[in-house]
């Protein structure tokens, strides 16, 4: 069950070193950029939901 809740890869995704042996195409670069934007937006929305749930109880 622990395997399903590992989130370490999400946070290390942004800090990985580039592999010098590969030459990614423009499509792969665009896919990685879209992936990073999606993860950032998800985390921002998660923080907003948690803020509204726990901090802003009035209203």
C-alpha atoms as a PDB file:
ATOM      1  CA  UNK A   1       0.000   0.000   0.000  1.00  0.00           C
ATOM      2  CA  UNK A   2       2.924   2.354   0.643  1.00  0.00           C
ATOM      3  CA  UNK A   3       3.870   2.335  -3.038  1.00  0.00           C
ATOM      4  CA  UNK A   4       0.681   4.168  -3.947  1.00  0.00           C
ATOM      5  CA  UNK A   5       1.342   7.123  -1.681  1.00  0.00           C
ATOM      6  CA  UNK A   6       4.970   7.908  -2.496  1.00  0.00           C
ATOM      7  CA  UNK A   7       5.153  11.553  -3.579  1.00  0.00           C
ATOM      8  CA  UNK A   8       8.925  11.998  -3.498  1.00  0.00           C
ATOM      9  CA  UNK A   9       9.134  11.752  -7.273  1.00  0.00           C
ATOM     10  CA  UNK A  10       6.784  14.707  -7.644  1.00  0.00           C
ATOM     11  CA  UNK A  11       9.114  17.012  -5.732  1.00  0.00           C
ATOM     12  CA  UNK A  12      12.352  15.692  -7.239  1.00  0.00           C
ATOM     13  CA  UNK A  13      10.978  16.073 -10.779  1.00  0.00           C
ATOM     14  CA  UNK A  14      12.037  19.724 -10.887  1.00  0.00           C
ATOM     15  CA  UNK A  15      15.571  19.142  -9.620  1.00  0.00           C
ATOM     16  CA  UNK A  16      16.772  16.267 -11.791  1.00  0.00           C
ATOM     17  CA  UNK A  17      20.024  16.610 -13.673  1.00  0.00           C
ATOM     18  CA  UNK A  18      19.869  16.505 -17.437  1.00  0.00           C
ATOM     19  CA  UNK A  19      21.187  13.370 -19.099  1.00  0.00           C
ATOM     20  CA  UNK A  20      24.111  14.466 -21.313  1.00  0.00           C
ATOM     21  CA  UNK A  21      23.774  11.397 -23.550  1.00  0.00           C
ATOM     22  CA  UNK A  22      20.310  12.268 -24.813  1.00  0.00           C
ATOM     23  CA  UNK A  23      19.205  14.899 -27.293  1.00  0.00           C
ATOM     24  CA  UNK A  24      15.477  15.443 -26.707  1.00  0.00           C
ATOM     25  CA  UNK A  25      13.356  16.734 -29.553  1.00  0.00           C
ATOM     26  CA  UNK A  26      11.309  19.910 -29.348  1.00  0.00           C
ATOM     27  CA  UNK A  27       8.193  17.819 -28.710  1.00  0.00           C
ATOM     28  CA  UNK A  28       9.743  16.200 -25.660  1.00  0.00           C
ATOM     29  CA  UNK A  29      10.805  19.591 -24.331  1.00  0.00           C
ATOM     30  CA  UNK A  30       7.267  20.898 -24.793  1.00  0.00           C
ATOM     31  CA  UNK A  31       5.851  17.835 -23.055  1.00  0.00           C
ATOM     32  CA  UNK A  32       8.175  18.312 -20.069  1.00  0.00           C
ATOM     33  CA  UNK A  33       7.246  21.995 -19.873  1.00  0.00           C
ATOM     34  CA  UNK A  34       3.521  21.179 -19.963  1.00  0.00           C
ATOM     35  CA  UNK A  35       4.080  18.538 -17.282  1.00  0.00           C
ATOM     36  CA  UNK A  36       5.822  21.002 -15.003  1.00  0.00           C
ATOM     37  CA  UNK A  37       3.106  23.621 -15.499  1.00  0.00           C
ATOM     38  CA  UNK A  38       0.415  21.045 -14.713  1.00  0.00           C
ATOM     39  CA  UNK A  39       2.162  19.944 -11.513  1.00  0.00           C
ATOM     40  CA  UNK A  40       2.615  23.535 -10.343  1.00  0.00           C
ATOM     41  CA  UNK A  41      -1.032  24.389 -11.041  1.00  0.00           C
ATOM     42  CA  UNK A  42      -2.178  21.246  -9.233  1.00  0.00           C
ATOM     43  CA  UNK A  43      -0.118  22.121  -6.161  1.00  0.00           C
ATOM     44  CA  UNK A  44      -1.380  25.717  -6.160  1.00  0.00           C
ATOM     45  CA  UNK A  45      -4.985  24.523  -6.373  1.00  0.00           C
ATOM     46  CA  UNK A  46      -4.373  21.980  -3.626  1.00  0.00           C
ATOM     47  CA  UNK A  47      -3.026  24.710  -1.338  1.00  0.00           C
ATOM     48  CA  UNK A  48      -6.012  26.947  -2.120  1.00  0.00           C
ATOM     49  CA  UNK A  49      -8.450  24.142  -1.321  1.00  0.00           C
ATOM     50  CA  UNK A  50      -6.670  23.333   1.928  1.00  0.00           C
ATOM     51  CA  UNK A  51      -6.582  27.032   2.843  1.00  0.00           C
ATOM     52  CA  UNK A  52     -10.306  27.367   2.257  1.00  0.00           C
ATOM     53  CA  UNK A  53     -11.009  24.172   4.151  1.00  0.00           C
ATOM     54  CA  UNK A  54      -8.912  24.766   7.255  1.00  0.00           C
ATOM     55  CA  UNK A  55      -8.028  28.464   7.558  1.00  0.00           C
ATOM     56  CA  UNK A  56     -11.050  30.288   6.219  1.00  0.00           C
ATOM     57  CA  UNK A  57     -13.846  28.643   8.190  1.00  0.00           C
ATOM     58  CA  UNK A  58     -16.138  31.697   8.132  1.00  0.00           C
ATOM     59  CA  UNK A  59     -18.150  32.091   5.173  1.00  0.00           C
END
